[in-house]
Amino acid sequence: MTGDDEIATRPTLFLRRAPGNGYCRVDHGRGIIHLMSALTTELRTLDQLLDPVRACLTPEVATRIAALRADPTTQAELDLLAEKNAEGQLTPEERAKYEALVRAGNLIAVLQAKARSVLDEVE
């Protein structure tokens, strides 16, 4: 999947930048939908808190941040946890790990959006 509005893509989970600098979460599983409101608030808060970081990004650094991807081991773990979550089969420990990975992904996604906005200005 490509496009300027894309923030981070994973086989089971991705975030897209919505019009007006908002974010929406798209999940091919069913289990994360109940977190939509909390995650939207989290993404808006991260966006606000990380806005000053944008001014620190050179085009070179922005390019590297925009290209960040999870390593194969972490991605495989996220994919497995997302599948188990969609099936309602996460243990409490797995749920905590999954939520931590999703939150970390949100942070990276917002940083990538900031980086891409810097790159858009350079072009």
PDB file of N, CA and C in Angstrom:
ATOM      1  N   MET A   1       0.846  -1.162   0.000  1.00  0.00           N
ATOM      2  CA  MET A   1       0.000   0.000   0.000  1.00  0.00           C
ATOM      3  C   MET A   1       0.893   1.227   0.000  1.00  0.00           C
ATOM      4  N   THR A   2       0.623   2.180  -0.867  1.00  0.00           N
ATOM      5  CA  THR A   2       1.417   3.389  -0.935  1.00  0.00           C
ATOM      6  C   THR A   2       0.512   4.589  -0.896  1.00  0.00           C
ATOM      7  N   GLY A   3       1.105   5.743  -0.712  1.00  0.00           N
ATOM      8  CA  GLY A   3       0.336   6.977  -0.717  1.00  0.00           C
ATOM      9  C   GLY A   3       0.833   7.927   0.344  1.00  0.00           C
ATOM     10  N   ASP A   4       0.618   9.221   0.107  1.00  0.00           N
ATOM     11  CA  ASP A   4       1.089  10.227   1.040  1.00  0.00           C
ATOM     12  C   ASP A   4       0.388  10.167   2.379  1.00  0.00           C
ATOM     13  N   ASP A   5      -0.833   9.609   2.417  1.00  0.00           N
ATOM     14  CA  ASP A   5      -1.578   9.577   3.666  1.00  0.00           C
ATOM     15  C   ASP A   5      -1.220   8.381   4.534  1.00  0.00           C
ATOM     16  N   GLU A   6      -0.407   7.500   4.039  1.00  0.00           N
ATOM     17  CA  GLU A   6      -0.050   6.308   4.792  1.00  0.00           C
ATOM     18  C   GLU A   6       0.973   6.660   5.861  1.00  0.00           C
ATOM     19  N   ILE A   7       0.780   6.150   7.052  1.00  0.00           N
ATOM     20  CA  ILE A   7       1.736   6.382   8.128  1.00  0.00           C
ATOM     21  C   ILE A   7       2.569   5.130   8.357  1.00  0.00           C
ATOM     22  N   ALA A   8       1.934   4.019   8.637  1.00  0.00           N
ATOM     23  CA  ALA A   8       2.664   2.776   8.862  1.00  0.00           C
ATOM     24  C   ALA A   8       1.795   1.628   8.400  1.00  0.00           C
ATOM     25  N   THR A   9       2.390   0.685   7.719  1.00  0.00           N
ATOM     26  CA  THR A   9       1.596  -0.407   7.180  1.00  0.00           C
ATOM     27  C   THR A   9       2.091  -1.737   7.736  1.00  0.00           C
ATOM     28  N   ARG A  10       1.173  -2.569   8.116  1.00  0.00           N
ATOM     29  CA  ARG A  10       1.433  -3.937   8.567  1.00  0.00           C
ATOM     30  C   ARG A  10       0.345  -4.807   7.959  1.00  0.00           C
ATOM     31  N   PRO A  11       0.588  -6.106   7.801  1.00  0.00           N
ATOM     32  CA  PRO A  11      -0.441  -6.954   7.212  1.00  0.00           C
ATOM     33  C   PRO A  11      -1.769  -6.927   7.957  1.00  0.00           C
ATOM     34  N   THR A  12      -1.748  -6.806   9.284  1.00  0.00           N
ATOM     35  CA  THR A  12      -2.999  -6.858  10.025  1.00  0.00           C
ATOM     36  C   THR A  12      -3.406  -5.519  10.601  1.00  0.00           C
ATOM     37  N   LEU A  13      -2.542  -4.550  10.580  1.00  0.00           N
ATOM     38  CA  LEU A  13      -2.813  -3.328  11.296  1.00  0.00           C
ATOM     39  C   LEU A  13      -2.118  -2.178  10.607  1.00  0.00           C
ATOM     40  N   PHE A  14      -2.830  -1.112  10.343  1.00  0.00           N
ATOM     41  CA  PHE A  14      -2.161   0.073   9.843  1.00  0.00           C
ATOM     42  C   PHE A  14      -2.918   1.318  10.225  1.00  0.00           C
ATOM     43  N   LEU A  15      -2.200   2.409  10.200  1.00  0.00           N
ATOM     44  CA  LEU A  15      -2.763   3.715  10.513  1.00  0.00           C
ATOM     45  C   LEU A  15      -2.715   4.545   9.255  1.00  0.00           C
ATOM     46  N   ARG A  16      -3.695   5.396   9.071  1.00  0.00           N
ATOM     47  CA  ARG A  16      -3.699   6.309   7.941  1.00  0.00           C
ATOM     48  C   ARG A  16      -3.901   7.718   8.459  1.00  0.00           C
ATOM     49  N   ARG A  17      -3.264   8.629   7.806  1.00  0.00           N
ATOM     50  CA  ARG A  17      -3.483  10.029   8.127  1.00  0.00           C
ATOM     51  C   ARG A  17      -4.769  10.459   7.446  1.00  0.00           C
ATOM     52  N   ALA A  18      -5.660  11.001   8.216  1.00  0.00           N
ATOM     53  CA  ALA A  18      -6.953  11.439   7.700  1.00  0.00           C
ATOM     54  C   ALA A  18      -6.887  12.929   7.368  1.00  0.00           C
ATOM     55  N   PRO A  19      -7.817  13.435   6.569  1.00  0.00           N
ATOM     56  CA  PRO A  19      -7.831  14.864   6.270  1.00  0.00           C
ATOM     57  C   PRO A  19      -7.864  15.680   7.558  1.00  0.00           C
ATOM     58  N   GLY A  20      -7.190  16.824   7.542  1.00  0.00           N
ATOM     59  CA  GLY A  20      -7.177  17.691   8.711  1.00  0.00           C
ATOM     60  C   GLY A  20      -6.190  17.252   9.776  1.00  0.00           C
ATOM     61  N   ASN A  21      -5.164  16.487   9.401  1.00  0.00           N
ATOM     62  CA  ASN A  21      -4.129  16.010  10.318  1.00  0.00           C
ATOM     63  C   ASN A  21      -4.656  15.083  11.400  1.00  0.00           C
ATOM     64  N   GLY A  22      -5.818  14.495  11.199  1.00  0.00           N
ATOM     65  CA  GLY A  22      -6.323  13.508  12.144  1.00  0.00           C
ATOM     66  C   GLY A  22      -5.796  12.135  11.780  1.00  0.00           C
ATOM     67  N   TYR A  23      -6.069  11.175  12.621  1.00  0.00           N
ATOM     68  CA  TYR A  23      -5.630   9.809  12.368  1.00  0.00           C
ATOM     69  C   TYR A  23      -6.800   8.873  12.541  1.00  0.00           C
ATOM     70  N   CYS A  24      -6.844   7.864  11.746  1.00  0.00           N
ATOM     71  CA  CYS A  24      -7.841   6.828  11.960  1.00  0.00           C
ATOM     72  C   CYS A  24      -7.127   5.493  11.938  1.00  0.00           C
ATOM     73  N   ARG A  25      -7.647   4.547  12.652  1.00  0.00           N
ATOM     74  CA  ARG A  25      -7.038   3.233  12.766  1.00  0.00           C
ATOM     75  C   ARG A  25      -7.885   2.252  11.978  1.00  0.00           C
ATOM     76  N   VAL A  26      -7.215   1.450  11.200  1.00  0.00           N
ATOM     77  CA  VAL A  26      -7.898   0.408  10.451  1.00  0.00           C
ATOM     78  C   VAL A  26      -7.304  -0.902  10.908  1.00  0.00           C
ATOM     79  N   ASP A  27      -8.132  -1.827  11.296  1.00  0.00           N
ATOM     80  CA  ASP A  27      -7.659  -3.106  11.814  1.00  0.00           C
ATOM     81  C   ASP A  27      -8.473  -4.201  11.156  1.00  0.00           C
ATOM     82  N   HIS A  28      -7.778  -5.168  10.589  1.00  0.00           N
ATOM     83  CA  HIS A  28      -8.472  -6.265   9.932  1.00  0.00           C
ATOM     84  C   HIS A  28      -9.019  -7.272  10.934  1.00  0.00           C
ATOM     85  N   GLY A  29      -8.616  -7.137  12.196  1.00  0.00           N
ATOM     86  CA  GLY A  29      -9.187  -7.968  13.246  1.00  0.00           C
ATOM     87  C   GLY A  29     -10.329  -7.212  13.902  1.00  0.00           C
ATOM     88  N   ARG A  30     -11.057  -7.855  14.765  1.00  0.00           N
ATOM     89  CA  ARG A  30     -12.194  -7.216  15.417  1.00  0.00           C
ATOM     90  C   ARG A  30     -11.868  -6.727  16.813  1.00  0.00           C
ATOM     91  N   GLY A  31     -10.863  -7.286  17.454  1.00  0.00           N
ATOM     92  CA  GLY A  31     -10.638  -7.036  18.869  1.00  0.00           C
ATOM     93  C   GLY A  31     -10.196  -5.638  19.238  1.00  0.00           C
ATOM     94  N   ILE A  32      -9.608  -4.899  18.340  1.00  0.00           N
ATOM     95  CA  ILE A  32      -9.055  -3.602  18.717  1.00  0.00           C
ATOM     96  C   ILE A  32     -10.062  -2.467  18.577  1.00  0.00           C
ATOM     97  N   ILE A  33     -11.192  -2.719  17.958  1.00  0.00           N
ATOM     98  CA  ILE A  33     -12.154  -1.653  17.689  1.00  0.00           C
ATOM     99  C   ILE A  33     -12.577  -0.934  18.966  1.00  0.00           C
ATOM    100  N   HIS A  34     -12.725  -1.652  20.081  1.00  0.00           N
ATOM    101  CA  HIS A  34     -13.148  -1.015  21.330  1.00  0.00           C
ATOM    102  C   HIS A  34     -12.137   0.007  21.839  1.00  0.00           C
ATOM    103  N   LEU A  35     -10.911  -0.037  21.357  1.00  0.00           N
ATOM    104  CA  LEU A  35      -9.888   0.904  21.772  1.00  0.00           C
ATOM    105  C   LEU A  35      -9.838   2.149  20.892  1.00  0.00           C
ATOM    106  N   MET A  36     -10.710   2.219  19.884  1.00  0.00           N
ATOM    107  CA  MET A  36     -10.647   3.301  18.895  1.00  0.00           C
ATOM    108  C   MET A  36     -10.635   4.676  19.546  1.00  0.00           C
ATOM    109  N   SER A  37     -11.544   4.942  20.445  1.00  0.00           N
ATOM    110  CA  SER A  37     -11.635   6.263  21.053  1.00  0.00           C
ATOM    111  C   SER A  37     -10.382   6.592  21.854  1.00  0.00           C
ATOM    112  N   ALA A  38      -9.921   5.658  22.657  1.00  0.00           N
ATOM    113  CA  ALA A  38      -8.716   5.889  23.458  1.00  0.00           C
ATOM    114  C   ALA A  38      -7.509   6.087  22.565  1.00  0.00           C
ATOM    115  N   LEU A  39      -7.423   5.318  21.492  1.00  0.00           N
ATOM    116  CA  LEU A  39      -6.281   5.449  20.596  1.00  0.00           C
ATOM    117  C   LEU A  39      -6.323   6.753  19.825  1.00  0.00           C
ATOM    118  N   THR A  40      -7.508   7.202  19.458  1.00  0.00           N
ATOM    119  CA  THR A  40      -7.619   8.484  18.773  1.00  0.00           C
ATOM    120  C   THR A  40      -7.130   9.599  19.690  1.00  0.00           C
ATOM    121  N   THR A  41      -7.522   9.545  20.947  1.00  0.00           N
ATOM    122  CA  THR A  41      -7.045  10.522  21.923  1.00  0.00           C
ATOM    123  C   THR A  41      -5.538  10.407  22.080  1.00  0.00           C
ATOM    124  N   GLU A  42      -5.039   9.185  22.149  1.00  0.00           N
ATOM    125  CA  GLU A  42      -3.596   8.962  22.285  1.00  0.00           C
ATOM    126  C   GLU A  42      -2.845   9.527  21.075  1.00  0.00           C
ATOM    127  N   LEU A  43      -3.359   9.277  19.888  1.00  0.00           N
ATOM    128  CA  LEU A  43      -2.693   9.775  18.683  1.00  0.00           C
ATOM    129  C   LEU A  43      -2.704  11.297  18.616  1.00  0.00           C
ATOM    130  N   ARG A  44      -3.813  11.900  18.973  1.00  0.00           N
ATOM    131  CA  ARG A  44      -3.874  13.368  18.987  1.00  0.00           C
ATOM    132  C   ARG A  44      -2.893  13.942  20.000  1.00  0.00           C
ATOM    133  N   THR A  45      -2.816  13.315  21.164  1.00  0.00           N
ATOM    134  CA  THR A  45      -1.897  13.772  22.201  1.00  0.00           C
ATOM    135  C   THR A  45      -0.454  13.619  21.742  1.00  0.00           C
ATOM    136  N   LEU A  46      -0.123  12.470  21.168  1.00  0.00           N
ATOM    137  CA  LEU A  46       1.224  12.266  20.641  1.00  0.00           C
ATOM    138  C   LEU A  46       1.543  13.285  19.555  1.00  0.00           C
ATOM    139  N   ASP A  47       0.586  13.525  18.673  1.00  0.00           N
ATOM    140  CA  ASP A  47       0.778  14.493  17.597  1.00  0.00           C
ATOM    141  C   ASP A  47       1.117  15.865  18.175  1.00  0.00           C
ATOM    142  N   GLN A  48       0.385  16.267  19.187  1.00  0.00           N
ATOM    143  CA  GLN A  48       0.602  17.574  19.818  1.00  0.00           C
ATOM    144  C   GLN A  48       1.959  17.618  20.525  1.00  0.00           C
ATOM    145  N   LEU A  49       2.266  16.589  21.306  1.00  0.00           N
ATOM    146  CA  LEU A  49       3.516  16.571  22.060  1.00  0.00           C
ATOM    147  C   LEU A  49       4.748  16.491  21.166  1.00  0.00           C
ATOM    148  N   LEU A  50       4.615  15.790  20.041  1.00  0.00           N
ATOM    149  CA  LEU A  50       5.759  15.582  19.154  1.00  0.00           C
ATOM    150  C   LEU A  50       5.881  16.651  18.072  1.00  0.00           C
ATOM    151  N   ASP A  51       4.973  17.602  18.041  1.00  0.00           N
ATOM    152  CA  ASP A  51       5.037  18.635  17.016  1.00  0.00           C
ATOM    153  C   ASP A  51       6.374  19.384  17.019  1.00  0.00           C
ATOM    154  N   PRO A  52       6.939  19.726  18.177  1.00  0.00           N
ATOM    155  CA  PRO A  52       8.243  20.410  18.163  1.00  0.00           C
ATOM    156  C   PRO A  52       9.378  19.569  17.541  1.00  0.00           C
ATOM    157  N   VAL A  53       9.239  18.259  17.560  1.00  0.00           N
ATOM    158  CA  VAL A  53      10.262  17.392  16.967  1.00  0.00           C
ATOM    159  C   VAL A  53      10.390  17.666  15.470  1.00  0.00           C
ATOM    160  N   ARG A  54       9.278  17.986  14.847  1.00  0.00           N
ATOM    161  CA  ARG A  54       9.265  18.242  13.409  1.00  0.00           C
ATOM    162  C   ARG A  54      10.291  19.298  13.018  1.00  0.00           C
ATOM    163  N   ALA A  55      10.417  20.343  13.822  1.00  0.00           N
ATOM    164  CA  ALA A  55      11.353  21.428  13.532  1.00  0.00           C
ATOM    165  C   ALA A  55      12.814  20.985  13.630  1.00  0.00           C
ATOM    166  N   CYS A  56      13.051  19.869  14.293  1.00  0.00           N
ATOM    167  CA  CYS A  56      14.413  19.353  14.468  1.00  0.00           C
ATOM    168  C   CYS A  56      14.849  18.418  13.343  1.00  0.00           C
ATOM    169  N   LEU A  57      13.924  18.052  12.477  1.00  0.00           N
ATOM    170  CA  LEU A  57      14.216  17.038  11.468  1.00  0.00           C
ATOM    171  C   LEU A  57      14.824  17.643  10.206  1.00  0.00           C
ATOM    172  N   THR A  58      15.992  17.160   9.878  1.00  0.00           N
ATOM    173  CA  THR A  58      16.582  17.484   8.582  1.00  0.00           C
ATOM    174  C   THR A  58      15.968  16.541   7.555  1.00  0.00           C
ATOM    175  N   PRO A  59      16.037  16.861   6.273  1.00  0.00           N
ATOM    176  CA  PRO A  59      15.515  15.926   5.271  1.00  0.00           C
ATOM    177  C   PRO A  59      16.138  14.529   5.368  1.00  0.00           C
ATOM    178  N   GLU A  60      17.434  14.475   5.665  1.00  0.00           N
ATOM    179  CA  GLU A  60      18.100  13.168   5.776  1.00  0.00           C
ATOM    180  C   GLU A  60      17.524  12.345   6.936  1.00  0.00           C
ATOM    181  N   VAL A  61      17.384  12.975   8.086  1.00  0.00           N
ATOM    182  CA  VAL A  61      16.833  12.283   9.259  1.00  0.00           C
ATOM    183  C   VAL A  61      15.367  11.922   9.002  1.00  0.00           C
ATOM    184  N   ALA A  62      14.618  12.844   8.407  1.00  0.00           N
ATOM    185  CA  ALA A  62      13.208  12.575   8.098  1.00  0.00           C
ATOM    186  C   ALA A  62      13.071  11.376   7.175  1.00  0.00           C
ATOM    187  N   THR A  63      13.945  11.264   6.199  1.00  0.00           N
ATOM    188  CA  THR A  63      13.915  10.120   5.279  1.00  0.00           C
ATOM    189  C   THR A  63      14.140   8.820   6.037  1.00  0.00           C
ATOM    190  N   ARG A  64      15.077   8.824   6.963  1.00  0.00           N
ATOM    191  CA  ARG A  64      15.367   7.608   7.734  1.00  0.00           C
ATOM    192  C   ARG A  64      14.216   7.239   8.661  1.00  0.00           C
ATOM    193  N   ILE A  65      13.605   8.238   9.289  1.00  0.00           N
ATOM    194  CA  ILE A  65      12.458   7.967  10.163  1.00  0.00           C
ATOM    195  C   ILE A  65      11.283   7.438   9.348  1.00  0.00           C
ATOM    196  N   ALA A  66      11.022   8.046   8.198  1.00  0.00           N
ATOM    197  CA  ALA A  66       9.908   7.615   7.348  1.00  0.00           C
ATOM    198  C   ALA A  66      10.082   6.170   6.876  1.00  0.00           C
ATOM    199  N   ALA A  67      11.311   5.717   6.777  1.00  0.00           N
ATOM    200  CA  ALA A  67      11.587   4.365   6.282  1.00  0.00           C
ATOM    201  C   ALA A  67      11.650   3.309   7.389  1.00  0.00           C
ATOM    202  N   LEU A  68      11.490   3.718   8.650  1.00  0.00           N
ATOM    203  CA  LEU A  68      11.565   2.753   9.751  1.00  0.00           C
ATOM    204  C   LEU A  68      10.524   1.643   9.604  1.00  0.00           C
ATOM    205  N   ARG A  69      10.929   0.430   9.849  1.00  0.00           N
ATOM    206  CA  ARG A  69      10.046  -0.730   9.860  1.00  0.00           C
ATOM    207  C   ARG A  69      10.459  -1.629  11.022  1.00  0.00           C
ATOM    208  N   ALA A  70       9.514  -2.362  11.531  1.00  0.00           N
ATOM    209  CA  ALA A  70       9.817  -3.314  12.596  1.00  0.00           C
ATOM    210  C   ALA A  70      10.722  -4.412  12.054  1.00  0.00           C
ATOM    211  N   ASP A  71      11.591  -4.912  12.919  1.00  0.00           N
ATOM    212  CA  ASP A  71      12.424  -6.037  12.504  1.00  0.00           C
ATOM    213  C   ASP A  71      11.524  -7.264  12.328  1.00  0.00           C
ATOM    214  N   PRO A  72      11.969  -8.258  11.557  1.00  0.00           N
ATOM    215  CA  PRO A  72      11.111  -9.413  11.257  1.00  0.00           C
ATOM    216  C   PRO A  72      10.589 -10.149  12.492  1.00  0.00           C
ATOM    217  N   THR A  73      11.395 -10.257  13.538  1.00  0.00           N
ATOM    218  CA  THR A  73      10.962 -10.959  14.745  1.00  0.00           C
ATOM    219  C   THR A  73       9.828 -10.203  15.434  1.00  0.00           C
ATOM    220  N   THR A  74       9.987  -8.893  15.572  1.00  0.00           N
ATOM    221  CA  THR A  74       8.950  -8.080  16.205  1.00  0.00           C
ATOM    222  C   THR A  74       7.684  -8.071  15.366  1.00  0.00           C
ATOM    223  N   GLN A  75       7.843  -7.971  14.052  1.00  0.00           N
ATOM    224  CA  GLN A  75       6.682  -7.960  13.172  1.00  0.00           C
ATOM    225  C   GLN A  75       5.923  -9.283  13.252  1.00  0.00           C
ATOM    226  N   ALA A  76       6.657 -10.391  13.297  1.00  0.00           N
ATOM    227  CA  ALA A  76       6.009 -11.699  13.407  1.00  0.00           C
ATOM    228  C   ALA A  76       5.262 -11.822  14.732  1.00  0.00           C
ATOM    229  N   GLU A  77       5.860 -11.315  15.803  1.00  0.00           N
ATOM    230  CA  GLU A  77       5.196 -11.341  17.104  1.00  0.00           C
ATOM    231  C   GLU A  77       3.924 -10.488  17.079  1.00  0.00           C
ATOM    232  N   LEU A  78       4.012  -9.305  16.496  1.00  0.00           N
ATOM    233  CA  LEU A  78       2.840  -8.429  16.386  1.00  0.00           C
ATOM    234  C   LEU A  78       1.741  -9.095  15.567  1.00  0.00           C
ATOM    235  N   ASP A  79       2.119  -9.702  14.461  1.00  0.00           N
ATOM    236  CA  ASP A  79       1.133 -10.381  13.608  1.00  0.00           C
ATOM    237  C   ASP A  79       0.436 -11.511  14.360  1.00  0.00           C
ATOM    238  N   LEU A  80       1.207 -12.306  15.104  1.00  0.00           N
ATOM    239  CA  LEU A  80       0.631 -13.411  15.874  1.00  0.00           C
ATOM    240  C   LEU A  80      -0.309 -12.884  16.956  1.00  0.00           C
ATOM    241  N   LEU A  81       0.134 -11.859  17.682  1.00  0.00           N
ATOM    242  CA  LEU A  81      -0.710 -11.294  18.732  1.00  0.00           C
ATOM    243  C   LEU A  81      -1.965 -10.652  18.151  1.00  0.00           C
ATOM    244  N   ALA A  82      -1.853  -9.995  17.005  1.00  0.00           N
ATOM    245  CA  ALA A  82      -3.020  -9.394  16.357  1.00  0.00           C
ATOM    246  C   ALA A  82      -4.021 -10.471  15.957  1.00  0.00           C
ATOM    247  N   GLU A  83      -3.524 -11.586  15.454  1.00  0.00           N
ATOM    248  CA  GLU A  83      -4.406 -12.696  15.072  1.00  0.00           C
ATOM    249  C   GLU A  83      -5.104 -13.280  16.298  1.00  0.00           C
ATOM    250  N   LYS A  84      -4.336 -13.499  17.362  1.00  0.00           N
ATOM    251  CA  LYS A  84      -4.932 -14.032  18.590  1.00  0.00           C
ATOM    252  C   LYS A  84      -5.929 -13.043  19.184  1.00  0.00           C
ATOM    253  N   ASN A  85      -5.618 -11.755  19.081  1.00  0.00           N
ATOM    254  CA  ASN A  85      -6.528 -10.731  19.573  1.00  0.00           C
ATOM    255  C   ASN A  85      -7.842 -10.764  18.796  1.00  0.00           C
ATOM    256  N   ALA A  86      -7.752 -10.879  17.489  1.00  0.00           N
ATOM    257  CA  ALA A  86      -8.949 -10.926  16.643  1.00  0.00           C
ATOM    258  C   ALA A  86      -9.808 -12.140  16.977  1.00  0.00           C
ATOM    259  N   GLU A  87      -9.167 -13.202  17.435  1.00  0.00           N
ATOM    260  CA  GLU A  87      -9.881 -14.424  17.802  1.00  0.00           C
ATOM    261  C   GLU A  87     -10.313 -14.416  19.271  1.00  0.00           C
ATOM    262  N   GLY A  88      -9.934 -13.358  20.002  1.00  0.00           N
ATOM    263  CA  GLY A  88     -10.291 -13.281  21.416  1.00  0.00           C
ATOM    264  C   GLY A  88      -9.541 -14.275  22.276  1.00  0.00           C
ATOM    265  N   GLN A  89      -8.305 -14.618  21.887  1.00  0.00           N
ATOM    266  CA  GLN A  89      -7.564 -15.664  22.583  1.00  0.00           C
ATOM    267  C   GLN A  89      -6.269 -15.180  23.238  1.00  0.00           C
ATOM    268  N   LEU A  90      -6.167 -13.890  23.529  1.00  0.00           N
ATOM    269  CA  LEU A  90      -4.958 -13.387  24.188  1.00  0.00           C
ATOM    270  C   LEU A  90      -4.997 -13.654  25.687  1.00  0.00           C
ATOM    271  N   THR A  91      -3.874 -14.088  26.237  1.00  0.00           N
ATOM    272  CA  THR A  91      -3.732 -14.173  27.685  1.00  0.00           C
ATOM    273  C   THR A  91      -3.521 -12.744  28.200  1.00  0.00           C
ATOM    274  N   PRO A  92      -3.660 -12.519  29.498  1.00  0.00           N
ATOM    275  CA  PRO A  92      -3.399 -11.174  30.031  1.00  0.00           C
ATOM    276  C   PRO A  92      -1.980 -10.670  29.701  1.00  0.00           C
ATOM    277  N   GLU A  93      -1.003 -11.555  29.765  1.00  0.00           N
ATOM    278  CA  GLU A  93       0.379 -11.174  29.442  1.00  0.00           C
ATOM    279  C   GLU A  93       0.510 -10.814  27.961  1.00  0.00           C
ATOM    280  N   GLU A  94      -0.128 -11.602  27.112  1.00  0.00           N
ATOM    281  CA  GLU A  94      -0.093 -11.320  25.675  1.00  0.00           C
ATOM    282  C   GLU A  94      -0.818 -10.012  25.350  1.00  0.00           C
ATOM    283  N   ARG A  95      -1.925  -9.762  26.036  1.00  0.00           N
ATOM    284  CA  ARG A  95      -2.660  -8.515  25.809  1.00  0.00           C
ATOM    285  C   ARG A  95      -1.787  -7.320  26.174  1.00  0.00           C
ATOM    286  N   ALA A  96      -1.082  -7.411  27.301  1.00  0.00           N
ATOM    287  CA  ALA A  96      -0.193  -6.321  27.722  1.00  0.00           C
ATOM    288  C   ALA A  96       0.909  -6.106  26.683  1.00  0.00           C
ATOM    289  N   LYS A  97       1.478  -7.175  26.183  1.00  0.00           N
ATOM    290  CA  LYS A  97       2.528  -7.074  25.163  1.00  0.00           C
ATOM    291  C   LYS A  97       1.967  -6.474  23.879  1.00  0.00           C
ATOM    292  N   TYR A  98       0.794  -6.941  23.459  1.00  0.00           N
ATOM    293  CA  TYR A  98       0.153  -6.445  22.243  1.00  0.00           C
ATOM    294  C   TYR A  98      -0.143  -4.948  22.358  1.00  0.00           C
ATOM    295  N   GLU A  99      -0.719  -4.545  23.487  1.00  0.00           N
ATOM    296  CA  GLU A  99      -1.027  -3.131  23.683  1.00  0.00           C
ATOM    297  C   GLU A  99       0.242  -2.282  23.700  1.00  0.00           C
ATOM    298  N   ALA A 100       1.330  -2.814  24.287  1.00  0.00           N
ATOM    299  CA  ALA A 100       2.603  -2.089  24.288  1.00  0.00           C
ATOM    300  C   ALA A 100       3.138  -1.933  22.865  1.00  0.00           C
ATOM    301  N   LEU A 101       3.034  -2.999  22.075  1.00  0.00           N
ATOM    302  CA  LEU A 101       3.484  -2.923  20.682  1.00  0.00           C
ATOM    303  C   LEU A 101       2.645  -1.936  19.877  1.00  0.00           C
ATOM    304  N   VAL A 102       1.341  -1.936  20.102  1.00  0.00           N
ATOM    305  CA  VAL A 102       0.462  -1.006  19.387  1.00  0.00           C
ATOM    306  C   VAL A 102       0.796   0.432  19.787  1.00  0.00           C
ATOM    307  N   ARG A 103       1.010   0.670  21.069  1.00  0.00           N
ATOM    308  CA  ARG A 103       1.356   2.026  21.524  1.00  0.00           C
ATOM    309  C   ARG A 103       2.696   2.480  20.947  1.00  0.00           C
ATOM    310  N   ALA A 104       3.671   1.577  20.936  1.00  0.00           N
ATOM    311  CA  ALA A 104       4.963   1.915  20.335  1.00  0.00           C
ATOM    312  C   ALA A 104       4.792   2.206  18.849  1.00  0.00           C
ATOM    313  N   GLY A 105       3.964   1.406  18.189  1.00  0.00           N
ATOM    314  CA  GLY A 105       3.676   1.642  16.776  1.00  0.00           C
ATOM    315  C   GLY A 105       3.014   2.986  16.551  1.00  0.00           C
ATOM    316  N   ASN A 106       2.129   3.386  17.461  1.00  0.00           N
ATOM    317  CA  ASN A 106       1.484   4.694  17.367  1.00  0.00           C
ATOM    318  C   ASN A 106       2.510   5.818  17.460  1.00  0.00           C
ATOM    319  N   LEU A 107       3.434   5.696  18.393  1.00  0.00           N
ATOM    320  CA  LEU A 107       4.477   6.705  18.547  1.00  0.00           C
ATOM    321  C   LEU A 107       5.301   6.814  17.266  1.00  0.00           C
ATOM    322  N   ILE A 108       5.718   5.677  16.747  1.00  0.00           N
ATOM    323  CA  ILE A 108       6.507   5.664  15.519  1.00  0.00           C
ATOM    324  C   ILE A 108       5.690   6.218  14.352  1.00  0.00           C
ATOM    325  N   ALA A 109       4.423   5.863  14.298  1.00  0.00           N
ATOM    326  CA  ALA A 109       3.566   6.345  13.213  1.00  0.00           C
ATOM    327  C   ALA A 109       3.446   7.867  13.219  1.00  0.00           C
ATOM    328  N   VAL A 110       3.298   8.449  14.400  1.00  0.00           N
ATOM    329  CA  VAL A 110       3.204   9.911  14.481  1.00  0.00           C
ATOM    330  C   VAL A 110       4.541  10.543  14.091  1.00  0.00           C
ATOM    331  N   LEU A 111       5.644   9.972  14.555  1.00  0.00           N
ATOM    332  CA  LEU A 111       6.959  10.481  14.147  1.00  0.00           C
ATOM    333  C   LEU A 111       7.135  10.385  12.632  1.00  0.00           C
ATOM    334  N   GLN A 112       6.669   9.282  12.042  1.00  0.00           N
ATOM    335  CA  GLN A 112       6.774   9.125  10.595  1.00  0.00           C
ATOM    336  C   GLN A 112       5.909  10.150   9.863  1.00  0.00           C
ATOM    337  N   ALA A 113       4.753  10.462  10.402  1.00  0.00           N
ATOM    338  CA  ALA A 113       3.908  11.483   9.788  1.00  0.00           C
ATOM    339  C   ALA A 113       4.618  12.838   9.824  1.00  0.00           C
ATOM    340  N   LYS A 114       5.257  13.144  10.943  1.00  0.00           N
ATOM    341  CA  LYS A 114       6.017  14.391  11.040  1.00  0.00           C
ATOM    342  C   LYS A 114       7.157  14.395  10.028  1.00  0.00           C
ATOM    343  N   ALA A 115       7.851  13.276   9.925  1.00  0.00           N
ATOM    344  CA  ALA A 115       8.960  13.177   8.977  1.00  0.00           C
ATOM    345  C   ALA A 115       8.470  13.351   7.542  1.00  0.00           C
ATOM    346  N   ARG A 116       7.370  12.725   7.222  1.00  0.00           N
ATOM    347  CA  ARG A 116       6.839  12.850   5.849  1.00  0.00           C
ATOM    348  C   ARG A 116       6.392  14.278   5.549  1.00  0.00           C
ATOM    349  N   SER A 117       5.893  14.982   6.555  1.00  0.00           N
ATOM    350  CA  SER A 117       5.498  16.376   6.311  1.00  0.00           C
ATOM    351  C   SER A 117       6.724  17.241   6.030  1.00  0.00           C
ATOM    352  N   VAL A 118       7.843  16.927   6.669  1.00  0.00           N
ATOM    353  CA  VAL A 118       9.091  17.638   6.365  1.00  0.00           C
ATOM    354  C   VAL A 118       9.515  17.345   4.933  1.00  0.00           C
ATOM    355  N   LEU A 119       9.445  16.081   4.544  1.00  0.00           N
ATOM    356  CA  LEU A 119       9.832  15.698   3.189  1.00  0.00           C
ATOM    357  C   LEU A 119       8.901  16.294   2.136  1.00  0.00           C
ATOM    358  N   ASP A 120       7.616  16.435   2.454  1.00  0.00           N
ATOM    359  CA  ASP A 120       6.671  17.058   1.521  1.00  0.00           C
ATOM    360  C   ASP A 120       7.056  18.505   1.233  1.00  0.00           C
ATOM    361  N   GLU A 121       7.578  19.192   2.232  1.00  0.00           N
ATOM    362  CA  GLU A 121       7.985  20.585   2.045  1.00  0.00           C
ATOM    363  C   GLU A 121       9.229  20.711   1.187  1.00  0.00           C
ATOM    364  N   VAL A 122      10.102  19.692   1.239  1.00  0.00           N
ATOM    365  CA  VAL A 122      11.339  19.716   0.471  1.00  0.00           C
ATOM    366  C   VAL A 122      11.060  19.492  -1.010  1.00  0.00           C
ATOM    367  N   GLU A 123      10.059  18.690  -1.298  1.00  0.00           N
ATOM    368  CA  GLU A 123       9.765  18.333  -2.691  1.00  0.00           C
ATOM    369  C   GLU A 123       9.200  19.453  -3.465  1.00  0.00           C
TER     370      GLU A 123
END
